[in-house]
Amino acid sequence: MKKAFALLGAAGYVAPRHMAAIRDVGGSLVAAMDPSDSVGVLDSYFPQADFFVSFEAFERFVYKQSKIGSPIDYVTICSPNYLHDTHCRFALHSGASVICEKPLVLSPHNLDRLRDAENDTDRRINCILQLRLHPEIIRFKQKVSGSPERFFEMKLDYVTSRGKWYDVSWKGDESKSGGVLFNIGIHFFDMLIFLFGPPTASDLVRYSQNTGSGILHFANARVEWFLSTDASCLPEGHDAPTYRSIKLNDEAFEFSKGFADLHTKSYQNIIQNRGFGLNDVRPSIELVDALRQEGKRLNQREGSLKKG
């Protein structure tokens, strides 16, 4: 039977990937909502989807669908990060399961509240952790698992430059986005935990609104990482707005290809009840939250030294 989907956050950057995934798994996007009405992209996927610019009207529509015998099976959430937990609870209590973009929440304690909501409704929250499905990441995971005695040195650099609009938008507001580590780093931190297991120690070197760097220590790996949305951090002579580099034992680890269908793979797993849930996402949420709190303490100490 064709699954019915509803989408919160239809005008965002990542929404078209979810529209394509819904189409690719044979689903139907019944309704979409976004405060912005710049959603012409819907015409390329589901032009017949009902569209709303207010959450209240969207909520009434979803409720009505359940009453007329056409309930929504999944609510896909691509809204701003700080709204994810609220929108997850709405979806669960509406009788739908959830597919939520990263980061699922901005604080570990919110995961406990979402677990309560899952238990109350007997519905499930599915998290998009698409790097775990990347063929090269899977192959490297198998290599690490097959060589438990080997020690790996990794250097991860990711710079995705953003214009002035970024800091003005909700993405530049740490209380709404979680800052650079949550907003652009969460997938990479999840990938590292997926590869090497839980970190044993962490050294934070730099933390600001647009940039973070540090070293993560694992049982069989040491990872030096750098994340930024600041264009001045792009390597000299690099003309593209995004720079992604992973070096493993001083050799380039190439995984720039293979991203095109990862959301579709995620949806295929989800509708087969093999999606990533709250337990899967918790370690990376806890790690980034701890790094962010340490970053605030680091900046306070540096501020105090400058004043002194």
Protein backbone atom coordinates (compact mmCIF):
# COMPACT_ATOMS: atom_id res chain seq x y z
CA MET A 1 0.00 0.00 0.00
CA LYS A 2 1.25 3.48 -0.88
CA LYS A 3 2.44 5.35 2.21
CA ALA A 4 1.10 8.84 2.95
CA PHE A 5 3.61 11.50 3.96
CA ALA A 6 3.39 15.04 5.29
CA LEU A 7 6.33 17.45 5.31
CA LEU A 8 7.23 20.20 7.77
CA GLY A 9 9.81 22.60 6.33
CA ALA A 10 9.17 22.41 2.59
CA ALA A 11 11.19 25.52 1.64
CA GLY A 12 14.45 24.45 3.26
CA TYR A 13 17.70 23.41 1.60
CA VAL A 14 17.33 19.70 2.37
CA ALA A 15 13.59 19.34 1.66
CA PRO A 16 13.96 18.39 -2.04
CA ARG A 17 16.04 15.36 -1.05
CA HIS A 18 13.14 14.16 1.07
CA MET A 19 10.63 14.87 -1.69
CA ALA A 20 12.74 12.80 -4.08
CA ALA A 21 13.05 9.99 -1.52
CA ILE A 22 9.27 9.93 -0.94
CA ARG A 23 8.75 9.69 -4.69
CA ASP A 24 11.45 7.03 -5.10
CA VAL A 25 9.89 4.72 -2.49
CA GLY A 26 6.48 5.05 -4.11
CA GLY A 27 5.02 7.27 -1.41
CA SER A 28 2.61 10.16 -1.72
CA LEU A 29 3.26 13.61 -0.25
CA VAL A 30 -0.22 14.58 0.90
CA ALA A 31 0.58 17.87 2.64
CA ALA A 32 3.48 20.26 3.21
CA MET A 33 3.95 23.29 5.43
CA ASP A 34 6.42 26.16 5.58
CA PRO A 35 6.11 29.80 6.73
CA SER A 36 7.78 30.72 3.44
CA ASP A 37 5.70 30.20 0.33
CA SER A 38 8.76 29.85 -1.94
CA VAL A 39 8.06 26.19 -2.53
CA GLY A 40 7.80 25.92 -6.30
CA VAL A 41 10.03 22.86 -6.01
CA LEU A 42 6.88 20.95 -5.05
CA ASP A 43 5.80 21.11 -8.71
CA SER A 44 8.69 18.83 -9.64
CA TYR A 45 7.61 16.15 -7.19
CA PHE A 46 4.09 16.45 -5.76
CA PRO A 47 2.17 19.35 -7.31
CA GLN A 48 -1.11 18.06 -5.87
CA ALA A 49 0.10 18.20 -2.26
CA ASP A 50 -1.91 20.52 -0.03
CA PHE A 51 0.28 23.38 1.18
CA PHE A 52 0.05 25.51 4.32
CA VAL A 53 1.98 28.50 5.63
CA SER A 54 0.72 28.14 9.21
CA PHE A 55 1.39 25.23 11.52
CA GLU A 56 -2.14 25.49 12.96
CA ALA A 57 -3.77 24.90 9.56
CA PHE A 58 -1.36 22.06 8.86
CA GLU A 59 -2.18 20.45 12.22
CA ARG A 60 -5.91 20.66 11.54
CA PHE A 61 -5.42 19.02 8.13
CA VAL A 62 -3.41 16.13 9.59
CA TYR A 63 -6.03 15.63 12.31
CA LYS A 64 -8.84 15.66 9.74
CA GLN A 65 -7.06 13.01 7.63
CA SER A 66 -7.09 10.60 10.56
CA LYS A 67 -10.81 11.21 11.12
CA ILE A 68 -11.81 10.56 7.51
CA GLY A 69 -9.90 7.29 7.34
CA SER A 70 -6.87 8.56 5.40
CA PRO A 71 -4.26 8.95 8.14
CA ILE A 72 -0.75 10.21 7.53
CA ASP A 73 1.77 7.37 7.88
CA TYR A 74 4.90 9.51 8.23
CA VAL A 75 5.59 13.14 9.05
CA THR A 76 8.94 14.26 7.64
CA ILE A 77 10.55 17.05 9.64
CA CYS A 78 12.93 19.49 7.95
CA SER A 79 12.07 22.47 10.13
CA PRO A 80 14.65 24.57 12.04
CA ASN A 81 16.62 22.49 14.51
CA TYR A 82 15.12 23.96 17.68
CA LEU A 83 11.62 22.93 16.56
CA HIS A 84 12.43 19.28 15.88
CA ASP A 85 11.43 17.86 19.27
CA THR A 86 8.14 19.78 19.30
CA HIS A 87 7.30 18.69 15.77
CA CYS A 88 8.25 15.08 16.58
CA ARG A 89 5.81 15.02 19.48
CA PHE A 90 3.09 16.55 17.31
CA ALA A 91 3.59 13.86 14.67
CA LEU A 92 3.59 11.00 17.16
CA HIS A 93 0.45 12.20 18.90
CA SER A 94 -1.19 12.59 15.49
CA GLY A 95 -0.76 8.86 14.94
CA ALA A 96 2.16 9.13 12.50
CA SER A 97 5.71 7.90 12.67
CA VAL A 98 8.50 10.43 12.20
CA ILE A 99 11.37 10.93 9.80
CA CYS A 100 13.56 13.74 11.13
CA GLU A 101 16.56 15.52 9.67
CA LYS A 102 19.71 16.17 11.68
CA PRO A 103 20.20 17.10 14.41
CA LEU A 104 17.23 15.37 16.00
CA VAL A 105 17.46 17.52 19.16
CA LEU A 106 19.87 20.07 20.64
CA SER A 107 20.11 18.57 24.13
CA PRO A 108 20.34 14.96 25.33
CA HIS A 109 17.53 15.37 27.87
CA ASN A 110 15.12 16.03 25.00
CA LEU A 111 15.74 12.47 23.84
CA ASP A 112 14.20 11.19 27.06
CA ARG A 113 11.04 13.21 26.46
CA LEU A 114 10.82 11.86 22.92
CA ARG A 115 11.22 8.31 24.22
CA ASP A 116 8.26 8.94 26.51
CA ALA A 117 6.24 10.18 23.52
CA GLU A 118 7.15 7.06 21.53
CA ASN A 119 6.02 4.85 24.39
CA ASP A 120 2.77 6.79 24.81
CA THR A 121 1.84 6.57 21.13
CA ASP A 122 3.42 3.29 19.98
CA ARG A 123 4.94 5.18 17.06
CA ARG A 124 8.61 5.52 16.10
CA ILE A 125 11.04 8.35 15.42
CA ASN A 126 13.48 7.66 12.58
CA CYS A 127 16.64 9.74 12.30
CA ILE A 128 18.47 10.57 9.07
CA LEU A 129 22.06 9.34 9.55
CA GLN A 130 22.87 8.96 5.89
CA LEU A 131 26.67 8.70 6.17
CA ARG A 132 26.19 5.31 7.82
CA LEU A 133 24.73 4.15 4.50
CA HIS A 134 27.54 5.48 2.30
CA PRO A 135 29.27 2.53 0.56
CA GLU A 136 32.79 3.80 1.30
CA ILE A 137 32.00 4.42 4.97
CA ILE A 138 30.55 0.92 5.24
CA ARG A 139 33.66 -0.57 3.64
CA PHE A 140 35.91 1.35 6.01
CA LYS A 141 33.77 0.25 8.96
CA GLN A 142 34.36 -3.36 7.92
CA LYS A 143 38.09 -2.67 7.67
CA VAL A 144 38.20 -1.18 11.17
CA SER A 145 36.13 -4.01 12.62
CA GLY A 146 38.39 -6.56 10.97
CA SER A 147 41.56 -4.97 12.37
CA PRO A 148 40.82 -4.26 16.04
CA GLU A 149 44.53 -4.22 16.90
CA ARG A 150 45.33 -1.52 14.31
CA PHE A 151 45.51 2.16 15.30
CA PHE A 152 44.16 4.79 12.91
CA GLU A 153 45.15 8.44 12.57
CA MET A 154 42.49 10.55 10.86
CA LYS A 155 42.34 14.21 9.91
CA LEU A 156 38.90 15.58 9.01
CA ASP A 157 38.45 19.05 7.51
CA TYR A 158 35.08 20.36 6.39
CA VAL A 159 34.56 23.95 5.32
CA THR A 160 31.24 24.90 3.76
CA SER A 161 31.32 28.65 3.31
CA ARG A 162 28.17 30.65 3.94
CA GLY A 163 27.33 34.26 3.10
CA LYS A 164 26.19 37.04 5.40
CA TRP A 165 22.62 35.72 5.30
CA TYR A 166 23.68 32.69 7.36
CA ASP A 167 24.41 34.59 10.57
CA VAL A 168 21.20 36.60 10.20
CA SER A 169 19.06 33.51 9.75
CA TRP A 170 18.07 31.02 12.45
CA LYS A 171 21.14 28.98 11.47
CA GLY A 172 23.37 31.71 12.87
CA ASP A 173 21.49 31.74 16.18
CA GLU A 174 23.07 29.09 18.39
CA SER A 175 19.95 28.79 20.53
CA LYS A 176 18.02 27.74 17.42
CA SER A 177 20.59 25.80 15.39
CA GLY A 178 22.89 24.48 18.10
CA GLY A 179 25.83 26.25 16.49
CA VAL A 180 28.33 25.05 13.94
CA LEU A 181 28.98 21.70 15.65
CA PHE A 182 25.33 20.68 15.58
CA ASN A 183 24.38 22.34 12.32
CA ILE A 184 27.15 21.08 10.05
CA GLY A 185 29.11 18.71 12.24
CA ILE A 186 26.58 16.26 13.66
CA HIS A 187 26.76 13.84 10.70
CA PHE A 188 30.55 13.70 10.87
CA PHE A 189 30.59 13.10 14.61
CA ASP A 190 28.01 10.35 14.17
CA MET A 191 30.16 8.87 11.40
CA LEU A 192 33.22 8.82 13.67
CA ILE A 193 31.30 7.07 16.45
CA PHE A 194 29.88 4.63 13.91
CA LEU A 195 33.43 3.82 12.73
CA PHE A 196 35.40 3.79 15.97
CA GLY A 197 32.90 3.46 18.81
CA PRO A 198 32.48 5.92 21.69
CA PRO A 199 35.31 8.44 22.21
CA THR A 200 37.51 7.95 25.25
CA ALA A 201 38.65 11.59 25.50
CA SER A 202 38.30 14.93 23.74
CA ASP A 203 40.47 18.03 23.42
CA LEU A 204 38.66 21.12 22.16
CA VAL A 205 41.02 23.62 20.55
CA ARG A 206 38.73 26.27 19.06
CA TYR A 207 35.07 27.16 19.32
CA SER A 208 33.26 30.16 17.82
CA GLN A 209 30.01 30.93 16.06
CA ASN A 210 31.39 29.78 12.71
CA THR A 211 34.32 27.49 13.48
CA GLY A 212 35.24 24.58 15.72
CA SER A 213 38.27 22.32 15.96
CA GLY A 214 39.69 19.71 18.26
CA ILE A 215 40.95 16.17 18.73
CA LEU A 216 38.87 13.11 19.53
CA HIS A 217 40.48 10.03 21.03
CA PHE A 218 39.05 6.55 20.51
CA ALA A 219 40.23 3.12 21.63
CA ASN A 220 41.89 2.53 18.26
CA ALA A 221 41.94 5.97 16.65
CA ARG A 222 42.91 9.59 17.03
CA VAL A 223 40.91 12.10 14.97
CA GLU A 224 41.89 15.71 14.41
CA TRP A 225 38.85 17.62 13.19
CA PHE A 226 38.10 21.10 11.83
CA LEU A 227 34.66 22.47 10.89
CA SER A 228 33.78 25.93 9.61
CA THR A 229 31.28 28.01 7.65
CA ASP A 230 33.85 30.83 7.27
CA ALA A 231 35.03 31.28 3.67
CA SER A 232 38.39 32.58 4.92
CA CYS A 233 39.08 29.05 6.19
CA LEU A 234 39.06 27.57 2.67
CA PRO A 235 42.50 26.38 1.55
CA GLU A 236 44.45 28.85 -0.55
CA GLY A 237 43.69 28.36 -4.22
CA HIS A 238 40.52 26.35 -3.55
CA ASP A 239 37.83 28.03 -5.67
CA ALA A 240 34.78 25.95 -4.74
CA PRO A 241 32.65 27.13 -1.78
CA THR A 242 32.95 23.76 -0.03
CA TYR A 243 36.07 21.85 0.97
CA ARG A 244 35.85 18.32 2.33
CA SER A 245 38.95 16.32 3.19
CA ILE A 246 39.50 13.16 5.20
CA LYS A 247 43.00 11.78 5.49
CA LEU A 248 43.52 8.36 7.00
CA ASN A 249 47.07 7.55 8.04
CA ASP A 250 48.16 10.43 5.75
CA GLU A 251 46.31 8.99 2.77
CA ALA A 252 43.21 10.61 1.28
CA PHE A 253 39.98 8.81 2.14
CA GLU A 254 37.75 9.46 -0.85
CA PHE A 255 34.01 9.47 -0.34
CA SER A 256 32.92 12.58 -2.23
CA LYS A 257 30.79 10.43 -4.56
CA GLY A 258 27.88 8.24 -3.58
CA PHE A 259 25.75 10.85 -1.80
CA ALA A 260 23.00 11.19 -4.43
CA ASP A 261 20.67 8.44 -3.23
CA LEU A 262 21.44 8.25 0.50
CA HIS A 263 18.10 9.81 1.52
CA THR A 264 16.29 7.30 -0.67
CA LYS A 265 18.26 4.46 0.97
CA SER A 266 17.30 5.93 4.35
CA TYR A 267 13.60 5.93 3.42
CA GLN A 268 13.78 2.38 2.06
CA ASN A 269 15.15 1.19 5.38
CA ILE A 270 12.60 3.20 7.36
CA ILE A 271 9.54 1.80 5.62
CA GLN A 272 11.01 -1.68 6.22
CA ASN A 273 11.31 -0.85 9.94
CA ARG A 274 15.11 -0.71 9.76
CA GLY A 275 15.61 3.00 10.35
CA PHE A 276 17.93 4.63 12.88
CA GLY A 277 16.19 5.43 16.14
CA LEU A 278 16.77 7.32 19.37
CA ASN A 279 19.41 4.91 20.65
CA ASP A 280 21.40 5.32 17.44
CA VAL A 281 21.42 9.11 17.54
CA ARG A 282 22.08 9.56 21.27
CA PRO A 283 25.89 9.13 21.31
CA SER A 284 26.52 11.90 18.78
CA ILE A 285 24.00 14.24 20.45
CA GLU A 286 25.71 13.70 23.80
CA LEU A 287 29.16 14.24 22.28
CA VAL A 288 28.28 17.47 20.48
CA ASP A 289 26.43 18.81 23.52
CA ALA A 290 29.52 18.15 25.66
CA LEU A 291 31.78 19.82 23.07
CA ARG A 292 29.48 22.84 22.89
CA GLN A 293 29.44 23.22 26.67
CA GLU A 294 33.23 22.92 26.77
CA GLY A 295 33.44 25.52 24.00
CA LYS A 296 31.47 27.99 26.08
CA ARG A 297 33.76 27.39 29.06
CA LEU A 298 36.81 27.75 26.84
CA ASN A 299 35.60 31.09 25.51
CA GLN A 300 34.77 32.32 29.01
CA ARG A 301 38.29 31.45 30.21
CA GLU A 302 39.87 33.19 27.25
CA GLY A 303 37.64 36.22 27.83
CA SER A 304 38.65 36.35 31.47
CA LEU A 305 42.36 36.17 30.55
CA LYS A 306 41.98 39.03 28.08
CA LYS A 307 40.25 41.17 30.70
CA GLY A 308 42.95 40.31 33.23
